[in-house]
Amino acid sequence: MSKSRKPTTKTTFDTLRFDAFTVRDYEIAGEQRSDWSRIGSAWPHQDGEGFRVLLHALPLDGVVTLRLAKAKEPAAE
């Protein structure tokens, strides 16, 4: 089996990142809410067949939610 699969551009895997969150659902005054806590990041392997996951904390329920990282907006002056 060949491992020659490469991303179409080098920057695809260099810049692609997921943020890892633990999400806690709760209710206040009858309103459902969710608290998202960022606990780490994940990056795809260059061969596209897996991820490197770096966690700074572990969720109590064992569930990690991965979301594509969004670029930070510049601070307003």
N, C-alpha and C. Protein backbone atom coordinates (compact mmCIF):
# COMPACT_ATOMS: atom_id res chain seq x y z
N MET A 1 0.84 -1.17 0.00
CA MET A 1 0.00 0.00 0.00
C MET A 1 0.88 1.24 0.00
N SER A 2 0.61 2.14 -0.90
CA SER A 2 1.41 3.34 -1.05
C SER A 2 0.98 4.42 -0.08
N LYS A 3 1.95 5.13 0.47
CA LYS A 3 1.66 6.26 1.35
C LYS A 3 2.00 7.56 0.64
N SER A 4 1.73 7.61 -0.65
CA SER A 4 2.10 8.77 -1.44
C SER A 4 1.04 9.87 -1.42
N ARG A 5 -0.04 9.69 -0.66
CA ARG A 5 -1.07 10.72 -0.61
C ARG A 5 -0.51 11.99 0.02
N LYS A 6 -0.60 13.06 -0.67
CA LYS A 6 -0.12 14.34 -0.17
C LYS A 6 -1.24 15.37 -0.31
N PRO A 7 -1.26 16.36 0.57
CA PRO A 7 -2.26 17.41 0.40
C PRO A 7 -2.01 18.15 -0.91
N THR A 8 -3.07 18.75 -1.44
CA THR A 8 -2.93 19.45 -2.71
C THR A 8 -2.01 20.66 -2.60
N THR A 9 -1.98 21.29 -1.43
CA THR A 9 -1.01 22.36 -1.19
C THR A 9 -0.40 22.12 0.16
N LYS A 10 0.85 22.48 0.30
CA LYS A 10 1.54 22.25 1.56
C LYS A 10 0.86 22.99 2.71
N THR A 11 0.34 24.16 2.45
CA THR A 11 -0.27 24.95 3.51
C THR A 11 -1.57 24.34 4.03
N THR A 12 -2.20 23.44 3.30
CA THR A 12 -3.44 22.83 3.76
C THR A 12 -3.26 22.21 5.14
N PHE A 13 -2.27 21.36 5.31
CA PHE A 13 -2.07 20.70 6.59
C PHE A 13 -1.26 21.54 7.55
N ASP A 14 -0.47 22.48 7.05
CA ASP A 14 0.29 23.34 7.94
C ASP A 14 -0.60 24.31 8.69
N THR A 15 -1.70 24.73 8.08
CA THR A 15 -2.56 25.74 8.70
C THR A 15 -3.86 25.18 9.25
N LEU A 16 -4.25 23.97 8.88
CA LEU A 16 -5.50 23.38 9.35
C LEU A 16 -5.35 22.94 10.80
N ARG A 17 -6.25 23.45 11.65
CA ARG A 17 -6.20 23.09 13.07
C ARG A 17 -7.63 23.00 13.59
N PHE A 18 -7.82 22.09 14.50
CA PHE A 18 -9.10 21.98 15.19
C PHE A 18 -8.87 22.36 16.65
N ASP A 19 -9.84 23.04 17.25
CA ASP A 19 -9.80 23.28 18.68
C ASP A 19 -10.62 22.19 19.35
N ALA A 20 -10.15 21.71 20.49
CA ALA A 20 -10.82 20.66 21.25
C ALA A 20 -11.56 21.30 22.43
N PHE A 21 -12.81 20.92 22.60
CA PHE A 21 -13.64 21.48 23.67
C PHE A 21 -14.31 20.38 24.46
N THR A 22 -14.62 20.69 25.71
CA THR A 22 -15.57 19.90 26.47
C THR A 22 -16.79 20.80 26.63
N VAL A 23 -17.97 20.25 26.45
CA VAL A 23 -19.20 21.04 26.45
C VAL A 23 -20.10 20.56 27.59
N ARG A 24 -20.51 21.50 28.44
CA ARG A 24 -21.39 21.18 29.56
C ARG A 24 -22.73 21.87 29.34
N ASP A 25 -23.80 21.09 29.23
CA ASP A 25 -25.14 21.64 29.08
C ASP A 25 -25.75 21.88 30.46
N TYR A 26 -26.45 22.99 30.60
CA TYR A 26 -27.11 23.30 31.87
C TYR A 26 -28.33 24.16 31.60
N GLU A 27 -29.11 24.41 32.64
CA GLU A 27 -30.34 25.19 32.52
C GLU A 27 -30.36 26.29 33.57
N ILE A 28 -30.73 27.49 33.12
CA ILE A 28 -30.88 28.63 34.04
C ILE A 28 -32.23 29.27 33.74
N ALA A 29 -33.06 29.39 34.74
CA ALA A 29 -34.38 30.01 34.62
C ALA A 29 -35.16 29.42 33.44
N GLY A 30 -35.10 28.10 33.28
CA GLY A 30 -35.83 27.42 32.23
C GLY A 30 -35.20 27.51 30.85
N GLU A 31 -34.05 28.18 30.74
CA GLU A 31 -33.37 28.34 29.45
C GLU A 31 -32.18 27.38 29.37
N GLN A 32 -32.14 26.58 28.28
CA GLN A 32 -31.03 25.65 28.07
C GLN A 32 -29.81 26.43 27.57
N ARG A 33 -28.67 26.16 28.17
CA ARG A 33 -27.41 26.81 27.77
C ARG A 33 -26.31 25.76 27.70
N SER A 34 -25.22 26.14 27.05
CA SER A 34 -24.04 25.27 26.96
C SER A 34 -22.80 26.08 27.29
N ASP A 35 -21.92 25.48 28.06
CA ASP A 35 -20.64 26.10 28.41
C ASP A 35 -19.54 25.35 27.67
N TRP A 36 -18.86 26.03 26.74
CA TRP A 36 -17.79 25.42 25.95
C TRP A 36 -16.45 25.81 26.55
N SER A 37 -15.67 24.83 26.98
CA SER A 37 -14.34 25.09 27.53
C SER A 37 -13.29 24.49 26.60
N ARG A 38 -12.37 25.32 26.10
CA ARG A 38 -11.32 24.84 25.20
C ARG A 38 -10.29 24.07 26.03
N ILE A 39 -10.03 22.83 25.63
CA ILE A 39 -9.12 21.99 26.40
C ILE A 39 -7.92 21.53 25.58
N GLY A 40 -7.81 21.96 24.32
CA GLY A 40 -6.67 21.53 23.52
C GLY A 40 -6.85 21.82 22.05
N SER A 41 -6.02 21.15 21.23
CA SER A 41 -6.03 21.34 19.78
C SER A 41 -5.72 20.01 19.10
N ALA A 42 -6.03 19.96 17.79
CA ALA A 42 -5.72 18.77 16.98
C ALA A 42 -5.30 19.22 15.59
N TRP A 43 -4.34 18.49 15.01
CA TRP A 43 -3.84 18.76 13.67
C TRP A 43 -3.85 17.47 12.87
N PRO A 44 -4.27 17.53 11.60
CA PRO A 44 -4.27 16.31 10.78
C PRO A 44 -2.85 15.90 10.42
N HIS A 45 -2.64 14.59 10.32
CA HIS A 45 -1.36 14.07 9.83
C HIS A 45 -1.22 14.43 8.36
N GLN A 46 0.01 14.54 7.90
CA GLN A 46 0.25 14.91 6.51
C GLN A 46 -0.30 13.89 5.52
N ASP A 47 -0.40 12.63 5.93
CA ASP A 47 -0.94 11.62 5.01
C ASP A 47 -2.46 11.63 4.99
N GLY A 48 -3.08 12.47 5.83
CA GLY A 48 -4.53 12.60 5.83
C GLY A 48 -5.27 11.47 6.51
N GLU A 49 -4.55 10.59 7.21
CA GLU A 49 -5.20 9.40 7.78
C GLU A 49 -5.30 9.42 9.30
N GLY A 50 -5.09 10.56 9.91
CA GLY A 50 -5.20 10.61 11.36
C GLY A 50 -4.97 12.02 11.87
N PHE A 51 -4.94 12.16 13.19
CA PHE A 51 -4.77 13.46 13.84
C PHE A 51 -3.79 13.35 14.99
N ARG A 52 -3.11 14.45 15.27
CA ARG A 52 -2.31 14.58 16.49
C ARG A 52 -3.15 15.44 17.41
N VAL A 53 -3.46 14.93 18.59
CA VAL A 53 -4.33 15.63 19.53
C VAL A 53 -3.51 16.00 20.76
N LEU A 54 -3.55 17.27 21.13
CA LEU A 54 -2.86 17.76 22.32
C LEU A 54 -3.92 18.29 23.28
N LEU A 55 -4.07 17.62 24.43
CA LEU A 55 -5.07 18.03 25.41
C LEU A 55 -4.38 18.59 26.65
N HIS A 56 -4.91 19.71 27.15
CA HIS A 56 -4.40 20.32 28.38
C HIS A 56 -5.25 19.93 29.58
N ALA A 57 -6.38 19.30 29.31
CA ALA A 57 -7.30 18.84 30.36
C ALA A 57 -8.10 17.69 29.78
N LEU A 58 -8.71 16.90 30.64
CA LEU A 58 -9.56 15.80 30.21
C LEU A 58 -10.99 16.08 30.63
N PRO A 59 -11.95 15.84 29.74
CA PRO A 59 -13.35 16.07 30.11
C PRO A 59 -13.83 15.00 31.09
N LEU A 60 -14.67 15.41 32.03
CA LEU A 60 -15.18 14.46 33.02
C LEU A 60 -16.06 13.40 32.40
N ASP A 61 -16.78 13.75 31.32
CA ASP A 61 -17.67 12.77 30.70
C ASP A 61 -16.99 11.98 29.59
N GLY A 62 -15.71 12.26 29.30
CA GLY A 62 -14.97 11.51 28.30
C GLY A 62 -15.23 11.93 26.86
N VAL A 63 -16.02 13.00 26.65
CA VAL A 63 -16.37 13.43 25.31
C VAL A 63 -15.57 14.68 24.94
N VAL A 64 -14.88 14.63 23.79
CA VAL A 64 -14.15 15.77 23.26
C VAL A 64 -14.82 16.18 21.96
N THR A 65 -15.13 17.46 21.83
CA THR A 65 -15.72 18.01 20.61
C THR A 65 -14.64 18.76 19.85
N LEU A 66 -14.42 18.39 18.58
CA LEU A 66 -13.44 19.07 17.74
C LEU A 66 -14.16 19.99 16.77
N ARG A 67 -13.69 21.23 16.69
CA ARG A 67 -14.24 22.23 15.77
C ARG A 67 -13.10 22.88 15.03
N LEU A 68 -13.31 23.19 13.74
CA LEU A 68 -12.28 23.90 12.99
C LEU A 68 -11.96 25.20 13.69
N ALA A 69 -10.67 25.47 13.87
CA ALA A 69 -10.25 26.71 14.54
C ALA A 69 -10.54 27.88 13.61
N LYS A 70 -10.99 28.97 14.19
CA LYS A 70 -11.28 30.17 13.43
C LYS A 70 -10.18 31.19 13.71
N ALA A 71 -9.84 31.96 12.68
CA ALA A 71 -8.82 32.99 12.83
C ALA A 71 -9.32 34.03 13.83
N LYS A 72 -8.40 34.51 14.66
CA LYS A 72 -8.76 35.54 15.63
C LYS A 72 -8.95 36.86 14.91
N GLU A 73 -9.98 37.59 15.34
CA GLU A 73 -10.22 38.90 14.76
C GLU A 73 -9.27 39.90 15.39
N PRO A 74 -8.79 40.88 14.60
CA PRO A 74 -7.89 41.88 15.16
C PRO A 74 -8.60 42.67 16.27
N ALA A 75 -7.85 43.04 17.27
CA ALA A 75 -8.41 43.79 18.39
C ALA A 75 -8.80 45.19 17.93
N ALA A 76 -9.93 45.68 18.43
CA ALA A 76 -10.38 47.03 18.09
C ALA A 76 -9.51 48.04 18.83
N GLU A 77 -9.23 49.13 18.16
CA GLU A 77 -8.39 50.16 18.80
C GLU A 77 -9.21 51.20 19.46
